[in-house]
PDB file of N, CA and C in Angstrom:
ATOM      1  N   TYR A   1     -10.537   5.311  -1.206  1.00  0.00           N
ATOM      2  CA  TYR A   1      -9.678   4.237  -1.672  1.00  0.00           C
ATOM      3  C   TYR A   1      -8.617   4.768  -2.634  1.00  0.00           C
ATOM      4  N   LEU A   2      -8.965   5.826  -3.370  1.00  0.00           N
ATOM      5  CA  LEU A   2      -8.005   6.398  -4.317  1.00  0.00           C
ATOM      6  C   LEU A   2      -6.788   6.967  -3.591  1.00  0.00           C
ATOM      7  N   GLU A   3      -7.001   7.640  -2.465  1.00  0.00           N
ATOM      8  CA  GLU A   3      -5.870   8.166  -1.686  1.00  0.00           C
ATOM      9  C   GLU A   3      -4.977   7.027  -1.182  1.00  0.00           C
ATOM     10  N   ALA A   4      -5.578   5.940  -0.754  1.00  0.00           N
ATOM     11  CA  ALA A   4      -4.803   4.785  -0.290  1.00  0.00           C
ATOM     12  C   ALA A   4      -4.006   4.177  -1.444  1.00  0.00           C
ATOM     13  N   THR A   5      -4.595   4.137  -2.629  1.00  0.00           N
ATOM     14  CA  THR A   5      -3.896   3.618  -3.805  1.00  0.00           C
ATOM     15  C   THR A   5      -2.697   4.490  -4.148  1.00  0.00           C
ATOM     16  N   ILE A   6      -2.866   5.807  -4.093  1.00  0.00           N
ATOM     17  CA  ILE A   6      -1.758   6.733  -4.354  1.00  0.00           C
ATOM     18  C   ILE A   6      -0.655   6.526  -3.326  1.00  0.00           C
ATOM     19  N   SER A   7      -1.025   6.393  -2.066  1.00  0.00           N
ATOM     20  CA  SER A   7      -0.031   6.171  -1.010  1.00  0.00           C
ATOM     21  C   SER A   7       0.741   4.879  -1.242  1.00  0.00           C
ATOM     22  N   GLU A   8       0.044   3.836  -1.654  1.00  0.00           N
ATOM     23  CA  GLU A   8       0.706   2.553  -1.897  1.00  0.00           C
ATOM     24  C   GLU A   8       1.626   2.632  -3.117  1.00  0.00           C
ATOM     25  N   VAL A   9       1.213   3.339  -4.155  1.00  0.00           N
ATOM     26  CA  VAL A   9       2.081   3.529  -5.323  1.00  0.00           C
ATOM     27  C   VAL A   9       3.352   4.260  -4.907  1.00  0.00           C
ATOM     28  N   LEU A  10       3.226   5.306  -4.083  1.00  0.00           N
ATOM     29  CA  LEU A  10       4.394   6.063  -3.624  1.00  0.00           C
ATOM     30  C   LEU A  10       5.283   5.226  -2.707  1.00  0.00           C
ATOM     31  N   ARG A  11       4.701   4.232  -2.042  1.00  0.00           N
ATOM     32  CA  ARG A  11       5.504   3.350  -1.194  1.00  0.00           C
ATOM     33  C   ARG A  11       6.252   2.315  -2.025  1.00  0.00           C
ATOM     34  N   ILE A  12       5.533   1.626  -2.895  1.00  0.00           N
ATOM     35  CA  ILE A  12       6.130   0.491  -3.595  1.00  0.00           C
ATOM     36  C   ILE A  12       7.075   0.931  -4.718  1.00  0.00           C
ATOM     37  N   ARG A  13       6.830   2.076  -5.316  1.00  0.00           N
ATOM     38  CA  ARG A  13       7.698   2.613  -6.370  1.00  0.00           C
ATOM     39  C   ARG A  13       7.912   4.104  -6.130  1.00  0.00           C
ATOM     40  N   PRO A  14       8.802   4.449  -5.187  1.00  0.00           N
ATOM     41  CA  PRO A  14       9.019   5.869  -4.872  1.00  0.00           C
ATOM     42  C   PRO A  14       9.548   6.647  -6.076  1.00  0.00           C
ATOM     43  N   VAL A  15       9.142   7.907  -6.176  1.00  0.00           N
ATOM     44  CA  VAL A  15       9.585   8.777  -7.267  1.00  0.00           C
ATOM     45  C   VAL A  15      11.103   8.891  -7.250  1.00  0.00           C
ATOM     46  N   SER A  16      11.656   9.044  -6.065  1.00  0.00           N
ATOM     47  CA  SER A  16      13.107   9.135  -5.896  1.00  0.00           C
ATOM     48  C   SER A  16      13.535   8.045  -4.918  1.00  0.00           C
ATOM     49  N   PRO A  17      14.136   6.950  -5.411  1.00  0.00           N
ATOM     50  CA  PRO A  17      14.493   5.852  -4.509  1.00  0.00           C
ATOM     51  C   PRO A  17      15.585   6.203  -3.502  1.00  0.00           C
ATOM     52  N   LEU A  18      16.351   7.249  -3.778  1.00  0.00           N
ATOM     53  CA  LEU A  18      17.357   7.731  -2.826  1.00  0.00           C
ATOM     54  C   LEU A  18      17.013   9.165  -2.461  1.00  0.00           C
ATOM     55  N   LEU A  19      16.973   9.456  -1.165  1.00  0.00           N
ATOM     56  CA  LEU A  19      16.680  10.823  -0.741  1.00  0.00           C
ATOM     57  C   LEU A  19      17.911  11.703  -0.925  1.00  0.00           C
ATOM     58  N   ILE A  20      17.725  13.007  -0.841  1.00  0.00           N
ATOM     59  CA  ILE A  20      18.810  13.977  -1.023  1.00  0.00           C
ATOM     60  C   ILE A  20      19.884  13.748   0.035  1.00  0.00           C
ATOM     61  N   PRO A  21      21.159  13.747  -0.370  1.00  0.00           N
ATOM     62  CA  PRO A  21      22.242  13.546   0.605  1.00  0.00           C
ATOM     63  C   PRO A  21      22.307  14.671   1.640  1.00  0.00           C
ATOM     64  N   HIS A  22      22.677  14.308   2.845  1.00  0.00           N
ATOM     65  CA  HIS A  22      22.877  15.269   3.934  1.00  0.00           C
ATOM     66  C   HIS A  22      24.256  15.020   4.531  1.00  0.00           C
ATOM     67  N   VAL A  23      24.745  15.977   5.295  1.00  0.00           N
ATOM     68  CA  VAL A  23      26.043  15.850   5.953  1.00  0.00           C
ATOM     69  C   VAL A  23      25.814  15.841   7.455  1.00  0.00           C
ATOM     70  N   SER A  24      26.424  14.892   8.133  1.00  0.00           N
ATOM     71  CA  SER A  24      26.310  14.790   9.585  1.00  0.00           C
ATOM     72  C   SER A  24      26.994  15.989  10.239  1.00  0.00           C
ATOM     73  N   LEU A  25      26.286  16.680  11.130  1.00  0.00           N
ATOM     74  CA  LEU A  25      26.832  17.864  11.798  1.00  0.00           C
ATOM     75  C   LEU A  25      27.629  17.523  13.046  1.00  0.00           C
ATOM     76  N   ALA A  26      27.486  16.303  13.536  1.00  0.00           N
ATOM     77  CA  ALA A  26      28.208  15.878  14.741  1.00  0.00           C
ATOM     78  C   ALA A  26      28.392  14.368  14.690  1.00  0.00           C
ATOM     79  N   ASP A  27      29.340  13.866  15.463  1.00  0.00           N
ATOM     80  CA  ASP A  27      29.484  12.417  15.596  1.00  0.00           C
ATOM     81  C   ASP A  27      28.209  11.875  16.224  1.00  0.00           C
ATOM     82  N   THR A  28      27.671  10.816  15.647  1.00  0.00           N
ATOM     83  CA  THR A  28      26.431  10.247  16.168  1.00  0.00           C
ATOM     84  C   THR A  28      26.399   8.758  15.848  1.00  0.00           C
ATOM     85  N   SER A  29      25.351   8.104  16.277  1.00  0.00           N
ATOM     86  CA  SER A  29      25.179   6.693  15.934  1.00  0.00           C
ATOM     87  C   SER A  29      23.701   6.402  15.730  1.00  0.00           C
ATOM     88  N   ILE A  30      23.453   5.445  14.864  1.00  0.00           N
ATOM     89  CA  ILE A  30      22.097   4.964  14.615  1.00  0.00           C
ATOM     90  C   ILE A  30      22.169   3.454  14.751  1.00  0.00           C
ATOM     91  N   GLY A  31      21.562   2.949  15.806  1.00  0.00           N
ATOM     92  CA  GLY A  31      21.664   1.521  16.076  1.00  0.00           C
ATOM     93  C   GLY A  31      23.109   1.151  16.308  1.00  0.00           C
ATOM     94  N   GLU A  32      23.610   0.191  15.556  1.00  0.00           N
ATOM     95  CA  GLU A  32      24.996  -0.260  15.713  1.00  0.00           C
ATOM     96  C   GLU A  32      25.964   0.500  14.806  1.00  0.00           C
ATOM     97  N   TYR A  33      25.462   1.439  14.030  1.00  0.00           N
ATOM     98  CA  TYR A  33      26.306   2.181  13.093  1.00  0.00           C
ATOM     99  C   TYR A  33      26.736   3.517  13.685  1.00  0.00           C
ATOM    100  N   SER A  34      28.030   3.816  13.607  1.00  0.00           N
ATOM    101  CA  SER A  34      28.514   5.127  14.045  1.00  0.00           C
ATOM    102  C   SER A  34      28.737   5.987  12.805  1.00  0.00           C
ATOM    103  N   ILE A  35      28.304   7.238  12.895  1.00  0.00           N
ATOM    104  CA  ILE A  35      28.407   8.172  11.781  1.00  0.00           C
ATOM    105  C   ILE A  35      29.270   9.341  12.228  1.00  0.00           C
ATOM    106  N   PRO A  36      30.452   9.502  11.637  1.00  0.00           N
ATOM    107  CA  PRO A  36      31.340  10.587  12.051  1.00  0.00           C
ATOM    108  C   PRO A  36      30.858  11.941  11.525  1.00  0.00           C
ATOM    109  N   LYS A  37      31.243  12.992  12.201  1.00  0.00           N
ATOM    110  CA  LYS A  37      30.921  14.351  11.774  1.00  0.00           C
ATOM    111  C   LYS A  37      31.463  14.558  10.353  1.00  0.00           C
ATOM    112  N   GLY A  38      30.655  15.179   9.502  1.00  0.00           N
ATOM    113  CA  GLY A  38      31.065  15.466   8.132  1.00  0.00           C
ATOM    114  C   GLY A  38      30.778  14.360   7.131  1.00  0.00           C
ATOM    115  N   ALA A  39      30.272  13.216   7.605  1.00  0.00           N
ATOM    116  CA  ALA A  39      29.967  12.104   6.696  1.00  0.00           C
ATOM    117  C   ALA A  39      28.710  12.414   5.884  1.00  0.00           C
ATOM    118  N   ARG A  40      28.725  12.017   4.620  1.00  0.00           N
ATOM    119  CA  ARG A  40      27.523  12.151   3.794  1.00  0.00           C
ATOM    120  C   ARG A  40      26.577  11.005   4.120  1.00  0.00           C
ATOM    121  N   VAL A  41      25.321  11.343   4.283  1.00  0.00           N
ATOM    122  CA  VAL A  41      24.308  10.347   4.618  1.00  0.00           C
ATOM    123  C   VAL A  41      23.241  10.372   3.528  1.00  0.00           C
ATOM    124  N   ILE A  42      23.010   9.217   2.925  1.00  0.00           N
ATOM    125  CA  ILE A  42      21.985   9.090   1.894  1.00  0.00           C
ATOM    126  C   ILE A  42      21.028   7.988   2.332  1.00  0.00           C
ATOM    127  N   ILE A  43      19.752   8.300   2.371  1.00  0.00           N
ATOM    128  CA  ILE A  43      18.752   7.311   2.780  1.00  0.00           C
ATOM    129  C   ILE A  43      18.238   6.579   1.549  1.00  0.00           C
ATOM    130  N   ASN A  44      18.300   5.261   1.585  1.00  0.00           N
ATOM    131  CA  ASN A  44      17.780   4.419   0.520  1.00  0.00           C
ATOM    132  C   ASN A  44      16.285   4.215   0.789  1.00  0.00           C
ATOM    133  N   LEU A  45      15.479   5.100   0.218  1.00  0.00           N
ATOM    134  CA  LEU A  45      14.040   5.079   0.466  1.00  0.00           C
ATOM    135  C   LEU A  45      13.394   3.791  -0.033  1.00  0.00           C
ATOM    136  N   TRP A  46      13.896   3.259  -1.136  1.00  0.00           N
ATOM    137  CA  TRP A  46      13.336   2.012  -1.651  1.00  0.00           C
ATOM    138  C   TRP A  46      13.476   0.910  -0.602  1.00  0.00           C
ATOM    139  N   ALA A  47      14.652   0.817   0.017  1.00  0.00           N
ATOM    140  CA  ALA A  47      14.883  -0.215   1.036  1.00  0.00           C
ATOM    141  C   ALA A  47      14.011   0.017   2.264  1.00  0.00           C
ATOM    142  N   VAL A  48      13.843   1.268   2.661  1.00  0.00           N
ATOM    143  CA  VAL A  48      13.001   1.597   3.821  1.00  0.00           C
ATOM    144  C   VAL A  48      11.550   1.197   3.546  1.00  0.00           C
ATOM    145  N   HIS A  49      11.077   1.461   2.329  1.00  0.00           N
ATOM    146  CA  HIS A  49       9.691   1.148   1.973  1.00  0.00           C
ATOM    147  C   HIS A  49       9.457  -0.336   1.679  1.00  0.00           C
ATOM    148  N   HIS A  50      10.538  -1.127   1.626  1.00  0.00           N
ATOM    149  CA  HIS A  50      10.408  -2.563   1.368  1.00  0.00           C
ATOM    150  C   HIS A  50      10.973  -3.402   2.515  1.00  0.00           C
ATOM    151  N   ASP A  51      11.089  -2.808   3.681  1.00  0.00           N
ATOM    152  CA  ASP A  51      11.628  -3.495   4.860  1.00  0.00           C
ATOM    153  C   ASP A  51      10.563  -4.425   5.441  1.00  0.00           C
ATOM    154  N   GLU A  52      10.854  -5.711   5.474  1.00  0.00           N
ATOM    155  CA  GLU A  52       9.883  -6.694   5.975  1.00  0.00           C
ATOM    156  C   GLU A  52       9.590  -6.533   7.461  1.00  0.00           C
ATOM    157  N   LYS A  53      10.462  -5.853   8.203  1.00  0.00           N
ATOM    158  CA  LYS A  53      10.201  -5.605   9.625  1.00  0.00           C
ATOM    159  C   LYS A  53       9.105  -4.559   9.809  1.00  0.00           C
ATOM    160  N   GLU A  54       8.937  -3.690   8.830  1.00  0.00           N
ATOM    161  CA  GLU A  54       7.951  -2.605   8.914  1.00  0.00           C
ATOM    162  C   GLU A  54       6.685  -2.867   8.105  1.00  0.00           C
ATOM    163  N   TRP A  55       6.818  -3.626   7.026  1.00  0.00           N
ATOM    164  CA  TRP A  55       5.705  -3.816   6.101  1.00  0.00           C
ATOM    165  C   TRP A  55       5.419  -5.302   5.913  1.00  0.00           C
ATOM    166  N   ASP A  56       4.161  -5.682   6.042  1.00  0.00           N
ATOM    167  CA  ASP A  56       3.740  -7.052   5.781  1.00  0.00           C
ATOM    168  C   ASP A  56       3.703  -7.264   4.267  1.00  0.00           C
ATOM    169  N   LYS A  57       4.427  -8.247   3.776  1.00  0.00           N
ATOM    170  CA  LYS A  57       4.519  -8.544   2.343  1.00  0.00           C
ATOM    171  C   LYS A  57       4.827  -7.267   1.550  1.00  0.00           C
ATOM    172  N   PRO A  58       6.015  -6.687   1.738  1.00  0.00           N
ATOM    173  CA  PRO A  58       6.333  -5.394   1.128  1.00  0.00           C
ATOM    174  C   PRO A  58       6.332  -5.380  -0.399  1.00  0.00           C
ATOM    175  N   GLU A  59       6.524  -6.530  -1.045  1.00  0.00           N
ATOM    176  CA  GLU A  59       6.538  -6.565  -2.512  1.00  0.00           C
ATOM    177  C   GLU A  59       5.132  -6.641  -3.103  1.00  0.00           C
ATOM    178  N   GLU A  60       4.139  -6.860  -2.248  1.00  0.00           N
ATOM    179  CA  GLU A  60       2.758  -6.987  -2.708  1.00  0.00           C
ATOM    180  C   GLU A  60       2.092  -5.615  -2.749  1.00  0.00           C
ATOM    181  N   PHE A  61       1.421  -5.305  -3.867  1.00  0.00           N
ATOM    182  CA  PHE A  61       0.676  -4.051  -3.986  1.00  0.00           C
ATOM    183  C   PHE A  61      -0.630  -4.201  -3.220  1.00  0.00           C
ATOM    184  N   ASN A  62      -0.775  -3.447  -2.131  1.00  0.00           N
ATOM    185  CA  ASN A  62      -1.939  -3.584  -1.261  1.00  0.00           C
ATOM    186  C   ASN A  62      -2.354  -2.225  -0.701  1.00  0.00           C
ATOM    187  N   PRO A  63      -3.227  -1.492  -1.398  1.00  0.00           N
ATOM    188  CA  PRO A  63      -3.686  -0.198  -0.883  1.00  0.00           C
ATOM    189  C   PRO A  63      -4.398  -0.314   0.464  1.00  0.00           C
ATOM    190  N   GLY A  64      -4.881  -1.502   0.797  1.00  0.00           N
ATOM    191  CA  GLY A  64      -5.574  -1.715   2.065  1.00  0.00           C
ATOM    192  C   GLY A  64      -4.716  -1.430   3.281  1.00  0.00           C
ATOM    193  N   ARG A  65      -3.401  -1.486   3.143  1.00  0.00           N
ATOM    194  CA  ARG A  65      -2.523  -1.193   4.282  1.00  0.00           C
ATOM    195  C   ARG A  65      -2.620   0.277   4.695  1.00  0.00           C
ATOM    196  N   PHE A  66      -3.201   1.116   3.819  1.00  0.00           N
ATOM    197  CA  PHE A  66      -3.369   2.536   4.118  1.00  0.00           C
ATOM    198  C   PHE A  66      -4.813   2.877   4.483  1.00  0.00           C
ATOM    199  N   LEU A  67      -5.598   1.852   4.832  1.00  0.00           N
ATOM    200  CA  LEU A  67      -6.981   2.061   5.261  1.00  0.00           C
ATOM    201  C   LEU A  67      -7.165   1.521   6.668  1.00  0.00           C
ATOM    202  N   ASP A  68      -7.955   2.232   7.474  1.00  0.00           N
ATOM    203  CA  ASP A  68      -8.262   1.729   8.812  1.00  0.00           C
ATOM    204  C   ASP A  68      -9.448   0.769   8.724  1.00  0.00           C
ATOM    205  N   GLU A  69      -9.910   0.293   9.857  1.00  0.00           N
ATOM    206  CA  GLU A  69     -11.002  -0.692   9.865  1.00  0.00           C
ATOM    207  C   GLU A  69     -12.316  -0.138   9.329  1.00  0.00           C
ATOM    208  N   ARG A  70     -12.469   1.200   9.287  1.00  0.00           N
ATOM    209  CA  ARG A  70     -13.679   1.825   8.744  1.00  0.00           C
ATOM    210  C   ARG A  70     -13.521   2.206   7.274  1.00  0.00           C
ATOM    211  N   GLY A  71     -12.361   1.883   6.684  1.00  0.00           N
ATOM    212  CA  GLY A  71     -12.119   2.218   5.285  1.00  0.00           C
ATOM    213  C   GLY A  71     -11.627   3.632   5.066  1.00  0.00           C
ATOM    214  N   GLN A  72     -11.241   4.300   6.150  1.00  0.00           N
ATOM    215  CA  GLN A  72     -10.722   5.669   6.049  1.00  0.00           C
ATOM    216  C   GLN A  72      -9.223   5.639   5.768  1.00  0.00           C
ATOM    217  N   HIS A  73      -8.754   6.623   5.022  1.00  0.00           N
ATOM    218  CA  HIS A  73      -7.337   6.697   4.652  1.00  0.00           C
ATOM    219  C   HIS A  73      -6.470   6.991   5.872  1.00  0.00           C
ATOM    220  N   ILE A  74      -5.403   6.195   6.034  1.00  0.00           N
ATOM    221  CA  ILE A  74      -4.398   6.425   7.077  1.00  0.00           C
ATOM    222  C   ILE A  74      -3.224   7.100   6.381  1.00  0.00           C
ATOM    223  N   HIS A  75      -2.857   8.285   6.824  1.00  0.00           N
ATOM    224  CA  HIS A  75      -1.806   9.036   6.131  1.00  0.00           C
ATOM    225  C   HIS A  75      -0.432   8.396   6.270  1.00  0.00           C
ATOM    226  N   SER A  76      -0.134   7.803   7.405  1.00  0.00           N
ATOM    227  CA  SER A  76       1.178   7.186   7.605  1.00  0.00           C
ATOM    228  C   SER A  76       1.045   6.008   8.562  1.00  0.00           C
ATOM    229  N   PRO A  77       0.849   4.797   8.025  1.00  0.00           N
ATOM    230  CA  PRO A  77       0.675   3.634   8.890  1.00  0.00           C
ATOM    231  C   PRO A  77       1.964   3.188   9.572  1.00  0.00           C
ATOM    232  N   SER A  78       3.098   3.740   9.139  1.00  0.00           N
ATOM    233  CA  SER A  78       4.396   3.356   9.690  1.00  0.00           C
ATOM    234  C   SER A  78       5.315   4.572   9.699  1.00  0.00           C
ATOM    235  N   PRO A  79       6.170   4.691  10.722  1.00  0.00           N
ATOM    236  CA  PRO A  79       7.145   5.792  10.702  1.00  0.00           C
ATOM    237  C   PRO A  79       8.151   5.635   9.559  1.00  0.00           C
ATOM    238  N   SER A  80       8.143   4.490   8.903  1.00  0.00           N
ATOM    239  CA  SER A  80       9.042   4.242   7.775  1.00  0.00           C
ATOM    240  C   SER A  80       8.436   4.650   6.434  1.00  0.00           C
ATOM    241  N   TYR A  81       7.290   5.309   6.450  1.00  0.00           N
ATOM    242  CA  TYR A  81       6.674   5.782   5.207  1.00  0.00           C
ATOM    243  C   TYR A  81       7.121   7.219   4.967  1.00  0.00           C
ATOM    244  N   LEU A  82       8.054   7.403   4.019  1.00  0.00           N
ATOM    245  CA  LEU A  82       8.679   8.712   3.807  1.00  0.00           C
ATOM    246  C   LEU A  82       8.737   9.106   2.328  1.00  0.00           C
ATOM    247  N   PRO A  83       7.644   9.057   1.578  1.00  0.00           N
ATOM    248  CA  PRO A  83       7.758   9.354   0.144  1.00  0.00           C
ATOM    249  C   PRO A  83       8.196  10.784  -0.153  1.00  0.00           C
ATOM    250  N   PHE A  84       7.983  11.692   0.784  1.00  0.00           N
ATOM    251  CA  PHE A  84       8.369  13.091   0.584  1.00  0.00           C
ATOM    252  C   PHE A  84       9.403  13.547   1.608  1.00  0.00           C
ATOM    253  N   GLY A  85      10.098  12.608   2.223  1.00  0.00           N
ATOM    254  CA  GLY A  85      11.064  12.959   3.258  1.00  0.00           C
ATOM    255  C   GLY A  85      10.359  13.132   4.595  1.00  0.00           C
ATOM    256  N   ALA A  86      11.065  13.743   5.550  1.00  0.00           N
ATOM    257  CA  ALA A  86      10.483  13.916   6.884  1.00  0.00           C
ATOM    258  C   ALA A  86      11.138  15.084   7.599  1.00  0.00           C
ATOM    259  N   GLY A  87      10.462  15.524   8.635  1.00  0.00           N
ATOM    260  CA  GLY A  87      11.029  16.558   9.490  1.00  0.00           C
ATOM    261  C   GLY A  87      11.131  17.913   8.819  1.00  0.00           C
ATOM    262  N   ILE A  88      12.143  18.653   9.206  1.00  0.00           N
ATOM    263  CA  ILE A  88      12.306  20.017   8.719  1.00  0.00           C
ATOM    264  C   ILE A  88      12.603  20.066   7.218  1.00  0.00           C
ATOM    265  N   ARG A  89      13.105  18.971   6.668  1.00  0.00           N
ATOM    266  CA  ARG A  89      13.468  18.949   5.247  1.00  0.00           C
ATOM    267  C   ARG A  89      12.426  18.238   4.377  1.00  0.00           C
ATOM    268  N   VAL A  90      11.217  18.120   4.864  1.00  0.00           N
ATOM    269  CA  VAL A  90      10.166  17.484   4.080  1.00  0.00           C
ATOM    270  C   VAL A  90       9.923  18.310   2.811  1.00  0.00           C
ATOM    271  N   CYS A  91       9.557  17.644   1.736  1.00  0.00           N
ATOM    272  CA  CYS A  91       9.321  18.313   0.455  1.00  0.00           C
ATOM    273  C   CYS A  91       8.209  19.356   0.592  1.00  0.00           C
ATOM    274  N   LEU A  92       8.507  20.569   0.166  1.00  0.00           N
ATOM    275  CA  LEU A  92       7.519  21.644   0.259  1.00  0.00           C
ATOM    276  C   LEU A  92       6.339  21.426  -0.684  1.00  0.00           C
ATOM    277  N   GLY A  93       6.532  20.637  -1.719  1.00  0.00           N
ATOM    278  CA  GLY A  93       5.473  20.397  -2.686  1.00  0.00           C
ATOM    279  C   GLY A  93       4.613  19.183  -2.386  1.00  0.00           C
ATOM    280  N   GLU A  94       4.741  18.618  -1.186  1.00  0.00           N
ATOM    281  CA  GLU A  94       4.003  17.394  -0.852  1.00  0.00           C
ATOM    282  C   GLU A  94       2.497  17.556  -1.030  1.00  0.00           C
ATOM    283  N   VAL A  95       1.926  18.596  -0.473  1.00  0.00           N
ATOM    284  CA  VAL A  95       0.467  18.786  -0.543  1.00  0.00           C
ATOM    285  C   VAL A  95       0.028  18.985  -1.990  1.00  0.00           C
ATOM    286  N   LEU A  96       0.771  19.807  -2.734  1.00  0.00           N
ATOM    287  CA  LEU A  96       0.441  20.043  -4.142  1.00  0.00           C
ATOM    288  C   LEU A  96       0.558  18.754  -4.954  1.00  0.00           C
ATOM    289  N   ALA A  97       1.621  17.997  -4.749  1.00  0.00           N
ATOM    290  CA  ALA A  97       1.823  16.751  -5.495  1.00  0.00           C
ATOM    291  C   ALA A  97       0.695  15.758  -5.220  1.00  0.00           C
ATOM    292  N   LYS A  98       0.324  15.596  -3.958  1.00  0.00           N
ATOM    293  CA  LYS A  98      -0.759  14.660  -3.619  1.00  0.00           C
ATOM    294  C   LYS A  98      -2.081  15.110  -4.227  1.00  0.00           C
ATOM    295  N   MET A  99      -2.342  16.422  -4.195  1.00  0.00           N
ATOM    296  CA  MET A  99      -3.577  16.943  -4.769  1.00  0.00           C
ATOM    297  C   MET A  99      -3.603  16.710  -6.281  1.00  0.00           C
ATOM    298  N   GLU A 100      -2.486  16.994  -6.953  1.00  0.00           N
ATOM    299  CA  GLU A 100      -2.413  16.798  -8.402  1.00  0.00           C
ATOM    300  C   GLU A 100      -2.572  15.324  -8.778  1.00  0.00           C
ATOM    301  N   LEU A 101      -1.926  14.435  -8.034  1.00  0.00           N
ATOM    302  CA  LEU A 101      -2.074  13.002  -8.297  1.00  0.00           C
ATOM    303  C   LEU A 101      -3.527  12.565  -8.137  1.00  0.00           C
ATOM    304  N   PHE A 102      -4.161  13.031  -7.072  1.00  0.00           N
ATOM    305  CA  PHE A 102      -5.556  12.668  -6.819  1.00  0.00           C
ATOM    306  C   PHE A 102      -6.459  13.157  -7.952  1.00  0.00           C
ATOM    307  N   LEU A 103      -6.316  14.437  -8.322  1.00  0.00           N
ATOM    308  CA  LEU A 103      -7.174  15.005  -9.366  1.00  0.00           C
ATOM    309  C   LEU A 103      -6.938  14.331 -10.716  1.00  0.00           C
ATOM    310  N   PHE A 104      -5.681  14.082 -11.049  1.00  0.00           N
ATOM    311  CA  PHE A 104      -5.372  13.443 -12.328  1.00  0.00           C
ATOM    312  C   PHE A 104      -5.931  12.022 -12.389  1.00  0.00           C
ATOM    313  N   LEU A 105      -5.685  11.233 -11.350  1.00  0.00           N
ATOM    314  CA  LEU A 105      -6.170   9.848 -11.360  1.00  0.00           C
ATOM    315  C   LEU A 105      -7.693   9.776 -11.302  1.00  0.00           C
ATOM    316  N   ALA A 106      -8.330  10.685 -10.557  1.00  0.00           N
ATOM    317  CA  ALA A 106      -9.795  10.727 -10.524  1.00  0.00           C
ATOM    318  C   ALA A 106     -10.337  11.070 -11.909  1.00  0.00           C
ATOM    319  N   TRP A 107      -9.692  12.005 -12.593  1.00  0.00           N
ATOM    320  CA  TRP A 107     -10.097  12.389 -13.947  1.00  0.00           C
ATOM    321  C   TRP A 107      -9.963  11.203 -14.904  1.00  0.00           C
ATOM    322  N   VAL A 108      -8.835  10.485 -14.818  1.00  0.00           N
ATOM    323  CA  VAL A 108      -8.620   9.318 -15.682  1.00  0.00           C
ATOM    324  C   VAL A 108      -9.684   8.254 -15.409  1.00  0.00           C
ATOM    325  N   LEU A 109      -9.956   7.977 -14.145  1.00  0.00           N
ATOM    326  CA  LEU A 109     -10.954   6.955 -13.805  1.00  0.00           C
ATOM    327  C   LEU A 109     -12.356   7.357 -14.244  1.00  0.00           C
ATOM    328  N   GLN A 110     -12.668   8.645 -14.216  1.00  0.00           N
ATOM    329  CA  GLN A 110     -13.980   9.113 -14.671  1.00  0.00           C
ATOM    330  C   GLN A 110     -14.190   8.835 -16.149  1.00  0.00           C
ATOM    331  N   ARG A 111     -13.123   8.861 -16.906  1.00  0.00           N
ATOM    332  CA  ARG A 111     -13.209   8.715 -18.360  1.00  0.00           C
ATOM    333  C   ARG A 111     -13.343   7.258 -18.801  1.00  0.00           C
ATOM    334  N   PHE A 112     -13.128   6.312 -17.890  1.00  0.00           N
ATOM    335  CA  PHE A 112     -13.184   4.899 -18.276  1.00  0.00           C
ATOM    336  C   PHE A 112     -14.231   4.138 -17.532  1.00  0.00           C
TER     337      PHE A 112
END
């Protein structure tokens, strides 16, 4: 349950609400939007993590959305869950950050 709680915290209040800017290498389109070559692209992670089309009651803190029916942690219940980015540019410190968060929060909970 602690891993699910950490995942939900990273979803509802991302460390960086805007991802690192990138530059489009070619003319492309995403849905109805056309993106010209050389355009700067910045992903609003806060908006992605609070999209009602992807998340049921996105403003509600619910670690249960990261648990399956057996109570096991689901690492990514939606392709819109990107607390550390995605693809080739995913944060290299993701595993370390998750481990540190888990150990720190487990330590805090042990003390109370």
